[in-house]
């Protein structure tokens, strides 16, 4: 499961870097494969937040907390 999440995260990170920036800043994502499941999910949440609201990317440093 962890390897699958890591590969998803790497591919999302690559695809966001290929998108023309237009003043948007993709999040800094830790791509280390030795992370725990919780850390990988947190990094994945960063990417999801960026993809949902890229126009606010310069303000958002942490993923939003889902209640």
C-alpha atoms as a PDB file:
ATOM      1  CA  UNK A   1       0.000   0.000   0.000  1.00  0.00           C
ATOM      2  CA  UNK A   2       2.786   2.381   0.904  1.00  0.00           C
ATOM      3  CA  UNK A   3       4.560   1.752  -2.405  1.00  0.00           C
ATOM      4  CA  UNK A   4       1.347   2.487  -4.294  1.00  0.00           C
ATOM      5  CA  UNK A   5       0.789   5.774  -2.447  1.00  0.00           C
ATOM      6  CA  UNK A   6       4.416   6.729  -3.055  1.00  0.00           C
ATOM      7  CA  UNK A   7       4.165   6.051  -6.792  1.00  0.00           C
ATOM      8  CA  UNK A   8       0.943   8.103  -6.976  1.00  0.00           C
ATOM      9  CA  UNK A   9       2.639  10.956  -5.156  1.00  0.00           C
ATOM     10  CA  UNK A  10       5.662  10.890  -7.474  1.00  0.00           C
ATOM     11  CA  UNK A  11       3.504  10.909 -10.606  1.00  0.00           C
ATOM     12  CA  UNK A  12       1.335  13.765  -9.275  1.00  0.00           C
ATOM     13  CA  UNK A  13       4.437  15.728  -8.409  1.00  0.00           C
ATOM     14  CA  UNK A  14       5.823  15.294 -11.920  1.00  0.00           C
ATOM     15  CA  UNK A  15       2.570  16.253 -13.596  1.00  0.00           C
ATOM     16  CA  UNK A  16       2.215  19.430 -11.510  1.00  0.00           C
ATOM     17  CA  UNK A  17       5.723  20.537 -12.432  1.00  0.00           C
ATOM     18  CA  UNK A  18       4.886  20.176 -16.126  1.00  0.00           C
ATOM     19  CA  UNK A  19       1.847  22.470 -15.879  1.00  0.00           C
ATOM     20  CA  UNK A  20       2.724  26.068 -16.850  1.00  0.00           C
ATOM     21  CA  UNK A  21       3.048  27.968 -13.593  1.00  0.00           C
ATOM     22  CA  UNK A  22       1.182  31.241 -14.319  1.00  0.00           C
ATOM     23  CA  UNK A  23       2.118  32.474 -10.849  1.00  0.00           C
ATOM     24  CA  UNK A  24       1.150  29.242  -9.120  1.00  0.00           C
ATOM     25  CA  UNK A  25       3.508  27.411  -6.834  1.00  0.00           C
ATOM     26  CA  UNK A  26       3.308  23.611  -6.595  1.00  0.00           C
ATOM     27  CA  UNK A  27       3.798  22.403  -3.023  1.00  0.00           C
ATOM     28  CA  UNK A  28       7.111  21.095  -1.807  1.00  0.00           C
ATOM     29  CA  UNK A  29       6.550  17.390  -1.461  1.00  0.00           C
ATOM     30  CA  UNK A  30       8.807  14.968   0.371  1.00  0.00           C
ATOM     31  CA  UNK A  31       9.309  12.068  -2.058  1.00  0.00           C
ATOM     32  CA  UNK A  32      11.406   9.895   0.235  1.00  0.00           C
ATOM     33  CA  UNK A  33      10.203   6.266  -0.105  1.00  0.00           C
ATOM     34  CA  UNK A  34      10.994   5.505   3.555  1.00  0.00           C
ATOM     35  CA  UNK A  35       8.113   7.555   4.982  1.00  0.00           C
ATOM     36  CA  UNK A  36       5.351   6.100   7.107  1.00  0.00           C
ATOM     37  CA  UNK A  37       1.822   5.710   5.757  1.00  0.00           C
ATOM     38  CA  UNK A  38       0.620   8.759   7.690  1.00  0.00           C
ATOM     39  CA  UNK A  39       3.415  10.954   6.306  1.00  0.00           C
ATOM     40  CA  UNK A  40       2.699   9.807   2.748  1.00  0.00           C
ATOM     41  CA  UNK A  41      -1.002  10.568   3.135  1.00  0.00           C
ATOM     42  CA  UNK A  42      -0.157  14.034   4.478  1.00  0.00           C
ATOM     43  CA  UNK A  43       2.040  14.697   1.437  1.00  0.00           C
ATOM     44  CA  UNK A  44      -0.755  13.450  -0.801  1.00  0.00           C
ATOM     45  CA  UNK A  45      -3.169  15.868   0.903  1.00  0.00           C
ATOM     46  CA  UNK A  46      -0.818  18.729   0.010  1.00  0.00           C
ATOM     47  CA  UNK A  47      -1.049  17.784  -3.650  1.00  0.00           C
ATOM     48  CA  UNK A  48      -4.835  17.419  -3.500  1.00  0.00           C
ATOM     49  CA  UNK A  49      -5.210  20.859  -1.916  1.00  0.00           C
ATOM     50  CA  UNK A  50      -3.019  22.333  -4.646  1.00  0.00           C
ATOM     51  CA  UNK A  51      -5.009  20.660  -7.406  1.00  0.00           C
ATOM     52  CA  UNK A  52      -8.336  21.779  -5.922  1.00  0.00           C
ATOM     53  CA  UNK A  53      -7.293  25.427  -5.436  1.00  0.00           C
ATOM     54  CA  UNK A  54      -4.131  26.295  -7.363  1.00  0.00           C
ATOM     55  CA  UNK A  55      -4.915  30.025  -7.304  1.00  0.00           C
ATOM     56  CA  UNK A  56      -4.400  30.041  -3.528  1.00  0.00           C
ATOM     57  CA  UNK A  57      -1.188  28.038  -3.625  1.00  0.00           C
ATOM     58  CA  UNK A  58       0.967  30.949  -2.480  1.00  0.00           C
ATOM     59  CA  UNK A  59      -1.019  31.133   0.779  1.00  0.00           C
ATOM     60  CA  UNK A  60      -1.367  27.472   1.634  1.00  0.00           C
ATOM     61  CA  UNK A  61       1.573  25.747   3.312  1.00  0.00           C
ATOM     62  CA  UNK A  62      -0.296  23.018   5.162  1.00  0.00           C
ATOM     63  CA  UNK A  63      -3.141  20.766   4.029  1.00  0.00           C
ATOM     64  CA  UNK A  64      -6.520  21.628   5.443  1.00  0.00           C
ATOM     65  CA  UNK A  65      -7.808  19.533   8.314  1.00  0.00           C
ATOM     66  CA  UNK A  66     -10.800  17.380   7.414  1.00  0.00           C
ATOM     67  CA  UNK A  67     -13.266  17.035  10.275  1.00  0.00           C
END
